[in-house]
Amino acid sequence: VEAAGMAFIGPPAECLDLLGDKVAARSLA
């Protein structure tokens, strides 16, 4: 979406990467 020049109405992709994986989210917590 961002590459197409539009705004993604949600958290940034880096956040989705970090928290979309429950194992990674547990480590962050």
mmCIF file of all heavy atoms, coordinates in Angstrom:
data_MODEL
# 
_entry.id   MODEL 
# 
loop_
_atom_site.group_PDB 
_atom_site.id 
_atom_site.type_symbol 
_atom_site.label_atom_id 
_atom_site.label_alt_id 
_atom_site.label_comp_id 
_atom_site.label_asym_id 
_atom_site.label_entity_id 
_atom_site.label_seq_id 
_atom_site.pdbx_PDB_ins_code 
_atom_site.Cartn_x 
_atom_site.Cartn_y 
_atom_site.Cartn_z 
_atom_site.occupancy 
_atom_site.B_iso_or_equiv 
_atom_site.pdbx_formal_charge 
_atom_site.auth_seq_id 
_atom_site.auth_comp_id 
_atom_site.auth_asym_id 
_atom_site.auth_atom_id 
_atom_site.pdbx_PDB_model_num 
ATOM 1   N N   . VAL A 1 1  ? 0.836  -1.199  0.000  1.00 0.00 ? 1  VAL A N   1 
ATOM 2   C CA  . VAL A 1 1  ? 0.000  0.000   0.000  1.00 0.00 ? 1  VAL A CA  1 
ATOM 3   C C   . VAL A 1 1  ? 0.872  1.251   0.000  1.00 0.00 ? 1  VAL A C   1 
ATOM 4   O O   . VAL A 1 1  ? 0.668  2.194   -0.779 1.00 0.00 ? 1  VAL A O   1 
ATOM 5   C CB  . VAL A 1 1  ? -0.953 -0.006  1.220  1.00 0.00 ? 1  VAL A CB  1 
ATOM 6   C CG1 . VAL A 1 1  ? -1.677 1.335   1.343  1.00 0.00 ? 1  VAL A CG1 1 
ATOM 7   C CG2 . VAL A 1 1  ? -1.972 -1.136  1.090  1.00 0.00 ? 1  VAL A CG2 1 
ATOM 8   N N   . GLU A 1 2  ? 1.865  1.267   0.894  1.00 0.00 ? 2  GLU A N   1 
ATOM 9   C CA  . GLU A 1 2  ? 2.756  2.427   0.971  1.00 0.00 ? 2  GLU A CA  1 
ATOM 10  C C   . GLU A 1 2  ? 3.549  2.586   -0.331 1.00 0.00 ? 2  GLU A C   1 
ATOM 11  O O   . GLU A 1 2  ? 3.744  3.714   -0.819 1.00 0.00 ? 2  GLU A O   1 
ATOM 12  C CB  . GLU A 1 2  ? 3.713  2.272   2.157  1.00 0.00 ? 2  GLU A CB  1 
ATOM 13  C CG  . GLU A 1 2  ? 3.027  2.212   3.509  1.00 0.00 ? 2  GLU A CG  1 
ATOM 14  C CD  . GLU A 1 2  ? 2.523  3.560   3.982  1.00 0.00 ? 2  GLU A CD  1 
ATOM 15  O OE1 . GLU A 1 2  ? 2.837  4.579   3.342  1.00 0.00 ? 2  GLU A OE1 1 
ATOM 16  O OE2 . GLU A 1 2  ? 1.808  3.593   5.009  1.00 0.00 ? 2  GLU A OE2 1 
ATOM 17  N N   . ALA A 1 3  ? 4.009  1.483   -0.907 1.00 0.00 ? 3  ALA A N   1 
ATOM 18  C CA  . ALA A 1 3  ? 4.780  1.550   -2.161 1.00 0.00 ? 3  ALA A CA  1 
ATOM 19  C C   . ALA A 1 3  ? 3.933  2.078   -3.305 1.00 0.00 ? 3  ALA A C   1 
ATOM 20  O O   . ALA A 1 3  ? 4.459  2.679   -4.256 1.00 0.00 ? 3  ALA A O   1 
ATOM 21  C CB  . ALA A 1 3  ? 5.339  0.163   -2.501 1.00 0.00 ? 3  ALA A CB  1 
ATOM 22  N N   . ALA A 1 4  ? 2.607  1.873   -3.212 1.00 0.00 ? 4  ALA A N   1 
ATOM 23  C CA  . ALA A 1 4  ? 1.699  2.362   -4.247 1.00 0.00 ? 4  ALA A CA  1 
ATOM 24  C C   . ALA A 1 4  ? 1.335  3.827   -4.038 1.00 0.00 ? 4  ALA A C   1 
ATOM 25  O O   . ALA A 1 4  ? 0.517  4.369   -4.781 1.00 0.00 ? 4  ALA A O   1 
ATOM 26  C CB  . ALA A 1 4  ? 0.445  1.499   -4.279 1.00 0.00 ? 4  ALA A CB  1 
ATOM 27  N N   . GLY A 1 5  ? 1.923  4.465   -3.017 1.00 0.00 ? 5  GLY A N   1 
ATOM 28  C CA  . GLY A 1 5  ? 1.678  5.879   -2.784 1.00 0.00 ? 5  GLY A CA  1 
ATOM 29  C C   . GLY A 1 5  ? 0.441  6.176   -1.971 1.00 0.00 ? 5  GLY A C   1 
ATOM 30  O O   . GLY A 1 5  ? -0.038 7.308   -1.951 1.00 0.00 ? 5  GLY A O   1 
ATOM 31  N N   . MET A 1 6  ? -0.078 5.162   -1.263 1.00 0.00 ? 6  MET A N   1 
ATOM 32  C CA  . MET A 1 6  ? -1.258 5.347   -0.436 1.00 0.00 ? 6  MET A CA  1 
ATOM 33  C C   . MET A 1 6  ? -0.911 5.094   1.027  1.00 0.00 ? 6  MET A C   1 
ATOM 34  O O   . MET A 1 6  ? 0.095  4.461   1.335  1.00 0.00 ? 6  MET A O   1 
ATOM 35  C CB  . MET A 1 6  ? -2.382 4.403   -0.886 1.00 0.00 ? 6  MET A CB  1 
ATOM 36  C CG  . MET A 1 6  ? -2.978 4.767   -2.247 1.00 0.00 ? 6  MET A CG  1 
ATOM 37  S SD  . MET A 1 6  ? -4.148 3.531   -2.858 1.00 0.00 ? 6  MET A SD  1 
ATOM 38  C CE  . MET A 1 6  ? -3.021 2.385   -3.651 1.00 0.00 ? 6  MET A CE  1 
ATOM 39  N N   . ALA A 1 7  ? -1.743 5.583   1.927  1.00 0.00 ? 7  ALA A N   1 
ATOM 40  C CA  . ALA A 1 7  ? -1.532 5.360   3.353  1.00 0.00 ? 7  ALA A CA  1 
ATOM 41  C C   . ALA A 1 7  ? -2.206 4.063   3.775  1.00 0.00 ? 7  ALA A C   1 
ATOM 42  O O   . ALA A 1 7  ? -3.350 3.803   3.399  1.00 0.00 ? 7  ALA A O   1 
ATOM 43  C CB  . ALA A 1 7  ? -2.089 6.520   4.170  1.00 0.00 ? 7  ALA A CB  1 
ATOM 44  N N   . PHE A 1 8  ? -1.500 3.267   4.562  1.00 0.00 ? 8  PHE A N   1 
ATOM 45  C CA  . PHE A 1 8  ? -2.089 2.079   5.182  1.00 0.00 ? 8  PHE A CA  1 
ATOM 46  C C   . PHE A 1 8  ? -2.654 2.509   6.525  1.00 0.00 ? 8  PHE A C   1 
ATOM 47  O O   . PHE A 1 8  ? -1.920 2.996   7.390  1.00 0.00 ? 8  PHE A O   1 
ATOM 48  C CB  . PHE A 1 8  ? -1.025 0.994   5.360  1.00 0.00 ? 8  PHE A CB  1 
ATOM 49  C CG  . PHE A 1 8  ? -1.525 -0.236  6.057  1.00 0.00 ? 8  PHE A CG  1 
ATOM 50  C CD1 . PHE A 1 8  ? -2.322 -1.149  5.387  1.00 0.00 ? 8  PHE A CD1 1 
ATOM 51  C CD2 . PHE A 1 8  ? -1.195 -0.491  7.383  1.00 0.00 ? 8  PHE A CD2 1 
ATOM 52  C CE1 . PHE A 1 8  ? -2.786 -2.296  6.028  1.00 0.00 ? 8  PHE A CE1 1 
ATOM 53  C CE2 . PHE A 1 8  ? -1.649 -1.627  8.035  1.00 0.00 ? 8  PHE A CE2 1 
ATOM 54  C CZ  . PHE A 1 8  ? -2.447 -2.541  7.349  1.00 0.00 ? 8  PHE A CZ  1 
ATOM 55  N N   . ILE A 1 9  ? -3.945 2.352   6.733  1.00 0.00 ? 9  ILE A N   1 
ATOM 56  C CA  . ILE A 1 9  ? -4.591 2.794   7.967  1.00 0.00 ? 9  ILE A CA  1 
ATOM 57  C C   . ILE A 1 9  ? -4.455 1.682   9.004  1.00 0.00 ? 9  ILE A C   1 
ATOM 58  O O   . ILE A 1 9  ? -5.340 0.856   9.203  1.00 0.00 ? 9  ILE A O   1 
ATOM 59  C CB  . ILE A 1 9  ? -6.061 3.179   7.730  1.00 0.00 ? 9  ILE A CB  1 
ATOM 60  C CG1 . ILE A 1 9  ? -6.144 4.256   6.641  1.00 0.00 ? 9  ILE A CG1 1 
ATOM 61  C CG2 . ILE A 1 9  ? -6.698 3.689   9.024  1.00 0.00 ? 9  ILE A CG2 1 
ATOM 62  C CD1 . ILE A 1 9  ? -7.548 4.626   6.250  1.00 0.00 ? 9  ILE A CD1 1 
ATOM 63  N N   . GLY A 1 10 ? -3.307 1.676   9.638  1.00 0.00 ? 10 GLY A N   1 
ATOM 64  C CA  . GLY A 1 10 ? -2.983 0.662   10.618 1.00 0.00 ? 10 GLY A CA  1 
ATOM 65  C C   . GLY A 1 10 ? -1.558 0.844   11.071 1.00 0.00 ? 10 GLY A C   1 
ATOM 66  O O   . GLY A 1 10 ? -0.876 1.787   10.652 1.00 0.00 ? 10 GLY A O   1 
ATOM 67  N N   . PRO A 1 11 ? -1.060 -0.043  11.928 1.00 0.00 ? 11 PRO A N   1 
ATOM 68  C CA  . PRO A 1 11 ? 0.318  0.060   12.390 1.00 0.00 ? 11 PRO A CA  1 
ATOM 69  C C   . PRO A 1 11 ? 1.311  -0.094  11.240 1.00 0.00 ? 11 PRO A C   1 
ATOM 70  O O   . PRO A 1 11 ? 0.984  -0.671  10.193 1.00 0.00 ? 11 PRO A O   1 
ATOM 71  C CB  . PRO A 1 11 ? 0.444  -1.102  13.383 1.00 0.00 ? 11 PRO A CB  1 
ATOM 72  C CG  . PRO A 1 11 ? -0.950 -1.376  13.827 1.00 0.00 ? 11 PRO A CG  1 
ATOM 73  C CD  . PRO A 1 11 ? -1.799 -1.105  12.623 1.00 0.00 ? 11 PRO A CD  1 
ATOM 74  N N   . PRO A 1 12 ? 2.541  0.413   11.415 1.00 0.00 ? 12 PRO A N   1 
ATOM 75  C CA  . PRO A 1 12 ? 3.541  0.285   10.343 1.00 0.00 ? 12 PRO A CA  1 
ATOM 76  C C   . PRO A 1 12 ? 3.914  -1.172  10.104 1.00 0.00 ? 12 PRO A C   1 
ATOM 77  O O   . PRO A 1 12 ? 3.763  -2.033  10.969 1.00 0.00 ? 12 PRO A O   1 
ATOM 78  C CB  . PRO A 1 12 ? 4.730  1.089   10.882 1.00 0.00 ? 12 PRO A CB  1 
ATOM 79  C CG  . PRO A 1 12 ? 4.534  1.155   12.363 1.00 0.00 ? 12 PRO A CG  1 
ATOM 80  C CD  . PRO A 1 12 ? 3.057  1.139   12.576 1.00 0.00 ? 12 PRO A CD  1 
ATOM 81  N N   . ALA A 1 13 ? 4.429  -1.429  8.904  1.00 0.00 ? 13 ALA A N   1 
ATOM 82  C CA  . ALA A 1 13 ? 4.767  -2.799  8.530  1.00 0.00 ? 13 ALA A CA  1 
ATOM 83  C C   . ALA A 1 13 ? 5.770  -3.422  9.495  1.00 0.00 ? 13 ALA A C   1 
ATOM 84  O O   . ALA A 1 13 ? 5.686  -4.617  9.799  1.00 0.00 ? 13 ALA A O   1 
ATOM 85  C CB  . ALA A 1 13 ? 5.316  -2.822  7.105  1.00 0.00 ? 13 ALA A CB  1 
ATOM 86  N N   . GLU A 1 14 ? 6.721  -2.624  9.987  1.00 0.00 ? 14 GLU A N   1 
ATOM 87  C CA  . GLU A 1 14 ? 7.707  -3.159  10.934 1.00 0.00 ? 14 GLU A CA  1 
ATOM 88  C C   . GLU A 1 14 ? 7.021  -3.672  12.190 1.00 0.00 ? 14 GLU A C   1 
ATOM 89  O O   . GLU A 1 14 ? 7.400  -4.717  12.739 1.00 0.00 ? 14 GLU A O   1 
ATOM 90  C CB  . GLU A 1 14 ? 8.718  -2.072  11.286 1.00 0.00 ? 14 GLU A CB  1 
ATOM 91  C CG  . GLU A 1 14 ? 9.833  -2.562  12.202 1.00 0.00 ? 14 GLU A CG  1 
ATOM 92  C CD  . GLU A 1 14 ? 10.821 -1.466  12.538 1.00 0.00 ? 14 GLU A CD  1 
ATOM 93  O OE1 . GLU A 1 14 ? 10.686 -0.347  12.006 1.00 0.00 ? 14 GLU A OE1 1 
ATOM 94  O OE2 . GLU A 1 14 ? 11.729 -1.723  13.347 1.00 0.00 ? 14 GLU A OE2 1 
ATOM 95  N N   . CYS A 1 15 ? 6.004  -2.955  12.653 1.00 0.00 ? 15 CYS A N   1 
ATOM 96  C CA  . CYS A 1 15 ? 5.244  -3.396  13.826 1.00 0.00 ? 15 CYS A CA  1 
ATOM 97  C C   . CYS A 1 15 ? 4.500  -4.692  13.520 1.00 0.00 ? 15 CYS A C   1 
ATOM 98  O O   . CYS A 1 15 ? 4.456  -5.613  14.350 1.00 0.00 ? 15 CYS A O   1 
ATOM 99  C CB  . CYS A 1 15 ? 4.269  -2.295  14.240 1.00 0.00 ? 15 CYS A CB  1 
ATOM 100 S SG  . CYS A 1 15 ? 3.162  -2.743  15.595 1.00 0.00 ? 15 CYS A SG  1 
ATOM 101 N N   . LEU A 1 16 ? 3.901  -4.778  12.333 1.00 0.00 ? 16 LEU A N   1 
ATOM 102 C CA  . LEU A 1 16 ? 3.187  -5.999  11.954 1.00 0.00 ? 16 LEU A CA  1 
ATOM 103 C C   . LEU A 1 16 ? 4.138  -7.184  11.894 1.00 0.00 ? 16 LEU A C   1 
ATOM 104 O O   . LEU A 1 16 ? 3.776  -8.312  12.278 1.00 0.00 ? 16 LEU A O   1 
ATOM 105 C CB  . LEU A 1 16 ? 2.495  -5.800  10.613 1.00 0.00 ? 16 LEU A CB  1 
ATOM 106 C CG  . LEU A 1 16 ? 1.447  -4.683  10.532 1.00 0.00 ? 16 LEU A CG  1 
ATOM 107 C CD1 . LEU A 1 16 ? 0.852  -4.605  9.125  1.00 0.00 ? 16 LEU A CD1 1 
ATOM 108 C CD2 . LEU A 1 16 ? 0.347  -4.896  11.562 1.00 0.00 ? 16 LEU A CD2 1 
ATOM 109 N N   . ASP A 1 17 ? 5.357  -6.954  11.402 1.00 0.00 ? 17 ASP A N   1 
ATOM 110 C CA  . ASP A 1 17 ? 6.357  -8.021  11.371 1.00 0.00 ? 17 ASP A CA  1 
ATOM 111 C C   . ASP A 1 17 ? 6.687  -8.503  12.778 1.00 0.00 ? 17 ASP A C   1 
ATOM 112 O O   . ASP A 1 17 ? 6.740  -9.702  13.052 1.00 0.00 ? 17 ASP A O   1 
ATOM 113 C CB  . ASP A 1 17 ? 7.647  -7.513  10.708 1.00 0.00 ? 17 ASP A CB  1 
ATOM 114 C CG  . ASP A 1 17 ? 7.588  -7.582  9.191  1.00 0.00 ? 17 ASP A CG  1 
ATOM 115 O OD1 . ASP A 1 17 ? 6.911  -8.477  8.663  1.00 0.00 ? 17 ASP A OD1 1 
ATOM 116 O OD2 . ASP A 1 17 ? 8.230  -6.732  8.536  1.00 0.00 ? 17 ASP A OD2 1 
ATOM 117 N N   . LEU A 1 18 ? 6.910  -7.550  13.692 1.00 0.00 ? 18 LEU A N   1 
ATOM 118 C CA  . LEU A 1 18 ? 7.353  -7.896  15.037 1.00 0.00 ? 18 LEU A CA  1 
ATOM 119 C C   . LEU A 1 18 ? 6.277  -8.593  15.854 1.00 0.00 ? 18 LEU A C   1 
ATOM 120 O O   . LEU A 1 18 ? 6.561  -9.526  16.604 1.00 0.00 ? 18 LEU A O   1 
ATOM 121 C CB  . LEU A 1 18 ? 7.814  -6.628  15.766 1.00 0.00 ? 18 LEU A CB  1 
ATOM 122 C CG  . LEU A 1 18 ? 9.112  -5.991  15.267 1.00 0.00 ? 18 LEU A CG  1 
ATOM 123 C CD1 . LEU A 1 18 ? 9.295  -4.610  15.889 1.00 0.00 ? 18 LEU A CD1 1 
ATOM 124 C CD2 . LEU A 1 18 ? 10.311 -6.883  15.598 1.00 0.00 ? 18 LEU A CD2 1 
ATOM 125 N N   . LEU A 1 19 ? 5.024  -8.129  15.720 1.00 0.00 ? 19 LEU A N   1 
ATOM 126 C CA  . LEU A 1 19 ? 3.965  -8.633  16.580 1.00 0.00 ? 19 LEU A CA  1 
ATOM 127 C C   . LEU A 1 19 ? 3.057  -9.646  15.892 1.00 0.00 ? 19 LEU A C   1 
ATOM 128 O O   . LEU A 1 19 ? 2.260  -10.308 16.563 1.00 0.00 ? 19 LEU A O   1 
ATOM 129 C CB  . LEU A 1 19 ? 3.122  -7.473  17.107 1.00 0.00 ? 19 LEU A CB  1 
ATOM 130 C CG  . LEU A 1 19 ? 3.870  -6.501  18.027 1.00 0.00 ? 19 LEU A CG  1 
ATOM 131 C CD1 . LEU A 1 19 ? 2.965  -5.342  18.434 1.00 0.00 ? 19 LEU A CD1 1 
ATOM 132 C CD2 . LEU A 1 19 ? 4.401  -7.216  19.260 1.00 0.00 ? 19 LEU A CD2 1 
ATOM 133 N N   . GLY A 1 20 ? 3.135  -9.750  14.561 1.00 0.00 ? 20 GLY A N   1 
ATOM 134 C CA  . GLY A 1 20 ? 2.299  -10.713 13.849 1.00 0.00 ? 20 GLY A CA  1 
ATOM 135 C C   . GLY A 1 20 ? 2.695  -12.140 14.136 1.00 0.00 ? 20 GLY A C   1 
ATOM 136 O O   . GLY A 1 20 ? 1.896  -13.071 13.978 1.00 0.00 ? 20 GLY A O   1 
ATOM 137 N N   . ASP A 1 21 ? 3.932  -12.345 14.556 1.00 0.00 ? 21 ASP A N   1 
ATOM 138 C CA  . ASP A 1 21 ? 4.421  -13.656 14.954 1.00 0.00 ? 21 ASP A CA  1 
ATOM 139 C C   . ASP A 1 21 ? 4.310  -13.754 16.467 1.00 0.00 ? 21 ASP A C   1 
ATOM 140 O O   . ASP A 1 21 ? 4.956  -13.016 17.210 1.00 0.00 ? 21 ASP A O   1 
ATOM 141 C CB  . ASP A 1 21 ? 5.872  -13.834 14.504 1.00 0.00 ? 21 ASP A CB  1 
ATOM 142 C CG  . ASP A 1 21 ? 6.403  -15.224 14.797 1.00 0.00 ? 21 ASP A CG  1 
ATOM 143 O OD1 . ASP A 1 21 ? 6.358  -15.644 15.965 1.00 0.00 ? 21 ASP A OD1 1 
ATOM 144 O OD2 . ASP A 1 21 ? 6.877  -15.888 13.866 1.00 0.00 ? 21 ASP A OD2 1 
ATOM 145 N N   . LYS A 1 22 ? 3.472  -14.673 16.966 1.00 0.00 ? 22 LYS A N   1 
ATOM 146 C CA  . LYS A 1 22 ? 3.225  -14.762 18.404 1.00 0.00 ? 22 LYS A CA  1 
ATOM 147 C C   . LYS A 1 22 ? 4.475  -15.153 19.183 1.00 0.00 ? 22 LYS A C   1 
ATOM 148 O O   . LYS A 1 22 ? 4.658  -14.743 20.340 1.00 0.00 ? 22 LYS A O   1 
ATOM 149 C CB  . LYS A 1 22 ? 2.092  -15.750 18.678 1.00 0.00 ? 22 LYS A CB  1 
ATOM 150 C CG  . LYS A 1 22 ? 0.724  -15.307 18.157 1.00 0.00 ? 22 LYS A CG  1 
ATOM 151 C CD  . LYS A 1 22 ? -0.341 -16.306 18.542 1.00 0.00 ? 22 LYS A CD  1 
ATOM 152 C CE  . LYS A 1 22 ? -1.728 -15.855 18.078 1.00 0.00 ? 22 LYS A CE  1 
ATOM 153 N NZ  . LYS A 1 22 ? -1.838 -15.796 16.613 1.00 0.00 ? 22 LYS A NZ  1 
ATOM 154 N N   . VAL A 1 23 ? 5.347  -15.945 18.561 1.00 0.00 ? 23 VAL A N   1 
ATOM 155 C CA  . VAL A 1 23 ? 6.590  -16.318 19.232 1.00 0.00 ? 23 VAL A CA  1 
ATOM 156 C C   . VAL A 1 23 ? 7.469  -15.089 19.409 1.00 0.00 ? 23 VAL A C   1 
ATOM 157 O O   . VAL A 1 23 ? 8.027  -14.842 20.492 1.00 0.00 ? 23 VAL A O   1 
ATOM 158 C CB  . VAL A 1 23 ? 7.321  -17.417 18.437 1.00 0.00 ? 23 VAL A CB  1 
ATOM 159 C CG1 . VAL A 1 23 ? 8.692  -17.685 19.040 1.00 0.00 ? 23 VAL A CG1 1 
ATOM 160 C CG2 . VAL A 1 23 ? 6.490  -18.702 18.408 1.00 0.00 ? 23 VAL A CG2 1 
ATOM 161 N N   . ALA A 1 24 ? 7.593  -14.282 18.354 1.00 0.00 ? 24 ALA A N   1 
ATOM 162 C CA  . ALA A 1 24 ? 8.387  -13.054 18.453 1.00 0.00 ? 24 ALA A CA  1 
ATOM 163 C C   . ALA A 1 24 ? 7.759  -12.087 19.447 1.00 0.00 ? 24 ALA A C   1 
ATOM 164 O O   . ALA A 1 24 ? 8.463  -11.413 20.208 1.00 0.00 ? 24 ALA A O   1 
ATOM 165 C CB  . ALA A 1 24 ? 8.503  -12.400 17.078 1.00 0.00 ? 24 ALA A CB  1 
ATOM 166 N N   . ALA A 1 25 ? 6.412  -12.018 19.467 1.00 0.00 ? 25 ALA A N   1 
ATOM 167 C CA  . ALA A 1 25 ? 5.725  -11.115 20.399 1.00 0.00 ? 25 ALA A CA  1 
ATOM 168 C C   . ALA A 1 25 ? 5.979  -11.531 21.840 1.00 0.00 ? 25 ALA A C   1 
ATOM 169 O O   . ALA A 1 25 ? 6.141  -10.679 22.726 1.00 0.00 ? 25 ALA A O   1 
ATOM 170 C CB  . ALA A 1 25 ? 4.227  -11.110 20.102 1.00 0.00 ? 25 ALA A CB  1 
ATOM 171 N N   . ARG A 1 26 ? 6.029  -12.825 22.108 1.00 0.00 ? 26 ARG A N   1 
ATOM 172 C CA  . ARG A 1 26 ? 6.327  -13.303 23.455 1.00 0.00 ? 26 ARG A CA  1 
ATOM 173 C C   . ARG A 1 26 ? 7.722  -12.862 23.885 1.00 0.00 ? 26 ARG A C   1 
ATOM 174 O O   . ARG A 1 26 ? 7.940  -12.451 25.034 1.00 0.00 ? 26 ARG A O   1 
ATOM 175 C CB  . ARG A 1 26 ? 6.209  -14.833 23.511 1.00 0.00 ? 26 ARG A CB  1 
ATOM 176 C CG  . ARG A 1 26 ? 4.779  -15.351 23.482 1.00 0.00 ? 26 ARG A CG  1 
ATOM 177 C CD  . ARG A 1 26 ? 4.727  -16.851 23.207 1.00 0.00 ? 26 ARG A CD  1 
ATOM 178 N NE  . ARG A 1 26 ? 5.493  -17.626 24.159 1.00 0.00 ? 26 ARG A NE  1 
ATOM 179 C CZ  . ARG A 1 26 ? 5.030  -18.060 25.328 1.00 0.00 ? 26 ARG A CZ  1 
ATOM 180 N NH1 . ARG A 1 26 ? 3.781  -17.786 25.687 1.00 0.00 ? 26 ARG A NH1 1 
ATOM 181 N NH2 . ARG A 1 26 ? 5.786  -18.778 26.139 1.00 0.00 ? 26 ARG A NH2 1 
ATOM 182 N N   . SER A 1 27 ? 8.677  -12.916 22.960 1.00 0.00 ? 27 SER A N   1 
ATOM 183 C CA  . SER A 1 27 ? 10.040 -12.483 23.278 1.00 0.00 ? 27 SER A CA  1 
ATOM 184 C C   . SER A 1 27 ? 10.079 -10.993 23.564 1.00 0.00 ? 27 SER A C   1 
ATOM 185 O O   . SER A 1 27 ? 10.768 -10.543 24.498 1.00 0.00 ? 27 SER A O   1 
ATOM 186 C CB  . SER A 1 27 ? 10.986 -12.824 22.116 1.00 0.00 ? 27 SER A CB  1 
ATOM 187 O OG  . SER A 1 27 ? 11.065 -14.220 21.917 1.00 0.00 ? 27 SER A OG  1 
ATOM 188 N N   . LEU A 1 28 ? 9.349  -10.210 22.773 1.00 0.00 ? 28 LEU A N   1 
ATOM 189 C CA  . LEU A 1 28 ? 9.293  -8.772  23.011 1.00 0.00 ? 28 LEU A CA  1 
ATOM 190 C C   . LEU A 1 28 ? 8.666  -8.455  24.361 1.00 0.00 ? 28 LEU A C   1 
ATOM 191 O O   . LEU A 1 28 ? 9.109  -7.552  25.078 1.00 0.00 ? 28 LEU A O   1 
ATOM 192 C CB  . LEU A 1 28 ? 8.501  -8.088  21.895 1.00 0.00 ? 28 LEU A CB  1 
ATOM 193 C CG  . LEU A 1 28 ? 9.182  -7.995  20.529 1.00 0.00 ? 28 LEU A CG  1 
ATOM 194 C CD1 . LEU A 1 28 ? 8.174  -7.560  19.475 1.00 0.00 ? 28 LEU A CD1 1 
ATOM 195 C CD2 . LEU A 1 28 ? 10.344 -7.010  20.582 1.00 0.00 ? 28 LEU A CD2 1 
ATOM 196 N N   . ALA A 1 29 ? 7.615  -9.197  24.707 1.00 0.00 ? 29 ALA A N   1 
ATOM 197 C CA  . ALA A 1 29 ? 6.959  -8.972  25.992 1.00 0.00 ? 29 ALA A CA  1 
ATOM 198 C C   . ALA A 1 29 ? 7.920  -9.264  27.142 1.00 0.00 ? 29 ALA A C   1 
ATOM 199 O O   . ALA A 1 29 ? 7.995  -8.500  28.118 1.00 0.00 ? 29 ALA A O   1 
ATOM 200 C CB  . ALA A 1 29 ? 5.701  -9.829  26.102 1.00 0.00 ? 29 ALA A CB  1 
# 
